[in-house]
Amino acid sequence: MTETSHPYPAPRDYWLIALILAVITGAEVAIAYVDSLDFVVVPMLIVLAVVKFVIVVGWYMHLRYESILYRRLFLIGLIAAPLLFGAVLFTFGVLIGD
């Protein structure tokens, strides 16, 4: 077997990432309850969700340690899923009518 060029994270690293994800989740909950942020709640929550997604994919799925081929396949699915979802919504909107 071949050795990996990058060592996988230690258990301490997983706990650190879990703590970071918990803090981000707490920030999301806090943002949802602050009334003065009503006009920016959705963009802030979307940004925080994307950050959490990148952290989970990068650390817990070990995607950053894998071959570039796996990353590209993952990105194709990540891009294709919203496009397909939008196409289905558009199709049903057109077929159902106004």
C-alpha atoms as a PDB file:
ATOM      1  CA  MET A   1       0.000   0.000   0.000  1.00  0.00           C
ATOM      2  CA  THR A   2       1.079   3.542  -0.560  1.00  0.00           C
ATOM      3  CA  GLU A   3       1.479   6.028   2.233  1.00  0.00           C
ATOM      4  CA  THR A   4      -0.548   9.202   2.259  1.00  0.00           C
ATOM      5  CA  SER A   5       1.373  12.425   1.868  1.00  0.00           C
ATOM      6  CA  HIS A   6      -0.733  14.195   4.490  1.00  0.00           C
ATOM      7  CA  PRO A   7      -1.442  12.802   7.938  1.00  0.00           C
ATOM      8  CA  TYR A   8      -5.077  12.590   8.887  1.00  0.00           C
ATOM      9  CA  PRO A   9      -6.291  14.812  11.725  1.00  0.00           C
ATOM     10  CA  ALA A  10      -5.838  13.709  15.327  1.00  0.00           C
ATOM     11  CA  PRO A  11      -8.837  13.240  17.658  1.00  0.00           C
ATOM     12  CA  ARG A  12      -8.014  16.615  19.241  1.00  0.00           C
ATOM     13  CA  ASP A  13      -8.534  18.241  15.827  1.00  0.00           C
ATOM     14  CA  TYR A  14     -11.976  16.656  15.523  1.00  0.00           C
ATOM     15  CA  TRP A  15     -12.983  18.047  18.903  1.00  0.00           C
ATOM     16  CA  LEU A  16     -11.731  21.491  17.895  1.00  0.00           C
ATOM     17  CA  ILE A  17     -13.752  21.383  14.679  1.00  0.00           C
ATOM     18  CA  ALA A  18     -16.813  20.198  16.609  1.00  0.00           C
ATOM     19  CA  LEU A  19     -16.401  23.166  18.964  1.00  0.00           C
ATOM     20  CA  ILE A  20     -16.097  25.558  16.021  1.00  0.00           C
ATOM     21  CA  LEU A  21     -19.244  24.085  14.452  1.00  0.00           C
ATOM     22  CA  ALA A  22     -21.095  24.432  17.769  1.00  0.00           C
ATOM     23  CA  VAL A  23     -20.056  28.095  18.035  1.00  0.00           C
ATOM     24  CA  ILE A  24     -21.225  28.762  14.463  1.00  0.00           C
ATOM     25  CA  THR A  25     -24.536  27.035  15.226  1.00  0.00           C
ATOM     26  CA  GLY A  26     -24.941  29.174  18.339  1.00  0.00           C
ATOM     27  CA  ALA A  27     -24.269  32.283  16.251  1.00  0.00           C
ATOM     28  CA  GLU A  28     -26.929  31.172  13.752  1.00  0.00           C
ATOM     29  CA  VAL A  29     -29.494  30.770  16.519  1.00  0.00           C
ATOM     30  CA  ALA A  30     -28.548  34.133  18.048  1.00  0.00           C
ATOM     31  CA  ILE A  31     -28.776  35.879  14.671  1.00  0.00           C
ATOM     32  CA  ALA A  32     -32.263  34.489  14.148  1.00  0.00           C
ATOM     33  CA  TYR A  33     -33.452  36.119  17.389  1.00  0.00           C
ATOM     34  CA  VAL A  34     -31.945  39.611  16.887  1.00  0.00           C
ATOM     35  CA  ASP A  35     -34.714  41.854  15.555  1.00  0.00           C
ATOM     36  CA  SER A  36     -32.421  44.652  14.387  1.00  0.00           C
ATOM     37  CA  LEU A  37     -30.820  42.302  11.831  1.00  0.00           C
ATOM     38  CA  ASP A  38     -34.051  41.457   9.999  1.00  0.00           C
ATOM     39  CA  PHE A  39     -32.831  42.751   6.634  1.00  0.00           C
ATOM     40  CA  VAL A  40     -29.590  40.715   6.685  1.00  0.00           C
ATOM     41  CA  VAL A  41     -30.644  37.558   8.524  1.00  0.00           C
ATOM     42  CA  VAL A  42     -31.004  35.395   5.428  1.00  0.00           C
ATOM     43  CA  PRO A  43     -27.649  36.329   3.809  1.00  0.00           C
ATOM     44  CA  MET A  44     -25.839  35.897   7.134  1.00  0.00           C
ATOM     45  CA  LEU A  45     -27.403  32.486   7.721  1.00  0.00           C
ATOM     46  CA  ILE A  46     -26.569  31.379   4.187  1.00  0.00           C
ATOM     47  CA  VAL A  47     -22.925  32.414   4.628  1.00  0.00           C
ATOM     48  CA  LEU A  48     -22.690  30.604   7.964  1.00  0.00           C
ATOM     49  CA  ALA A  49     -24.306  27.496   6.466  1.00  0.00           C
ATOM     50  CA  VAL A  50     -21.787  27.497   3.615  1.00  0.00           C
ATOM     51  CA  VAL A  51     -18.917  27.866   6.089  1.00  0.00           C
ATOM     52  CA  LYS A  52     -20.218  24.930   8.123  1.00  0.00           C
ATOM     53  CA  PHE A  53     -20.671  22.867   4.970  1.00  0.00           C
ATOM     54  CA  VAL A  54     -17.084  23.510   3.871  1.00  0.00           C
ATOM     55  CA  ILE A  55     -15.757  22.602   7.320  1.00  0.00           C
ATOM     56  CA  VAL A  56     -17.750  19.363   7.467  1.00  0.00           C
ATOM     57  CA  VAL A  57     -16.770  18.320   3.954  1.00  0.00           C
ATOM     58  CA  GLY A  58     -13.139  19.241   4.440  1.00  0.00           C
ATOM     59  CA  TRP A  59     -12.608  17.640   7.830  1.00  0.00           C
ATOM     60  CA  TYR A  60     -15.161  14.944   8.492  1.00  0.00           C
ATOM     61  CA  MET A  61     -15.333  13.629   4.931  1.00  0.00           C
ATOM     62  CA  HIS A  62     -11.536  13.919   4.499  1.00  0.00           C
ATOM     63  CA  LEU A  63     -12.118  15.455   1.071  1.00  0.00           C
ATOM     64  CA  ARG A  64      -9.087  17.693   1.365  1.00  0.00           C
ATOM     65  CA  TYR A  65      -6.832  14.635   1.684  1.00  0.00           C
ATOM     66  CA  GLU A  66      -8.245  12.793  -1.305  1.00  0.00           C
ATOM     67  CA  SER A  67      -7.355  12.876  -4.978  1.00  0.00           C
ATOM     68  CA  ILE A  68      -8.325  15.891  -7.075  1.00  0.00           C
ATOM     69  CA  LEU A  69     -10.631  13.575  -9.040  1.00  0.00           C
ATOM     70  CA  TYR A  70     -12.829  12.996  -5.968  1.00  0.00           C
ATOM     71  CA  ARG A  71     -13.001  16.725  -5.274  1.00  0.00           C
ATOM     72  CA  ARG A  72     -14.042  17.416  -8.860  1.00  0.00           C
ATOM     73  CA  LEU A  73     -16.707  14.715  -8.782  1.00  0.00           C
ATOM     74  CA  PHE A  74     -18.034  16.162  -5.544  1.00  0.00           C
ATOM     75  CA  LEU A  75     -18.102  19.672  -7.023  1.00  0.00           C
ATOM     76  CA  ILE A  76     -19.947  18.438 -10.127  1.00  0.00           C
ATOM     77  CA  GLY A  77     -22.676  17.031  -7.901  1.00  0.00           C
ATOM     78  CA  LEU A  78     -22.689  20.156  -5.770  1.00  0.00           C
ATOM     79  CA  ILE A  79     -23.238  22.346  -8.825  1.00  0.00           C
ATOM     80  CA  ALA A  80     -25.591  19.985 -10.664  1.00  0.00           C
ATOM     81  CA  ALA A  81     -27.998  19.481  -7.737  1.00  0.00           C
ATOM     82  CA  PRO A  82     -29.158  23.138  -7.456  1.00  0.00           C
ATOM     83  CA  LEU A  83     -29.337  23.429 -11.249  1.00  0.00           C
ATOM     84  CA  LEU A  84     -31.537  20.353 -11.435  1.00  0.00           C
ATOM     85  CA  PHE A  85     -33.645  21.595  -8.532  1.00  0.00           C
ATOM     86  CA  GLY A  86     -34.088  24.970 -10.263  1.00  0.00           C
ATOM     87  CA  ALA A  87     -34.999  23.289 -13.538  1.00  0.00           C
ATOM     88  CA  VAL A  88     -37.651  21.177 -11.827  1.00  0.00           C
ATOM     89  CA  LEU A  89     -39.088  24.224 -10.049  1.00  0.00           C
ATOM     90  CA  PHE A  90     -39.112  26.165 -13.300  1.00  0.00           C
ATOM     91  CA  THR A  91     -40.774  23.289 -15.132  1.00  0.00           C
ATOM     92  CA  PHE A  92     -43.522  22.906 -12.541  1.00  0.00           C
ATOM     93  CA  GLY A  93     -44.029  26.657 -12.454  1.00  0.00           C
ATOM     94  CA  VAL A  94     -44.459  26.740 -16.208  1.00  0.00           C
ATOM     95  CA  LEU A  95     -46.610  23.597 -16.374  1.00  0.00           C
ATOM     96  CA  ILE A  96     -48.907  24.586 -13.531  1.00  0.00           C
ATOM     97  CA  GLY A  97     -49.306  28.140 -14.779  1.00  0.00           C
ATOM     98  CA  ASP A  98     -50.173  31.314 -12.933  1.00  0.00           C
END
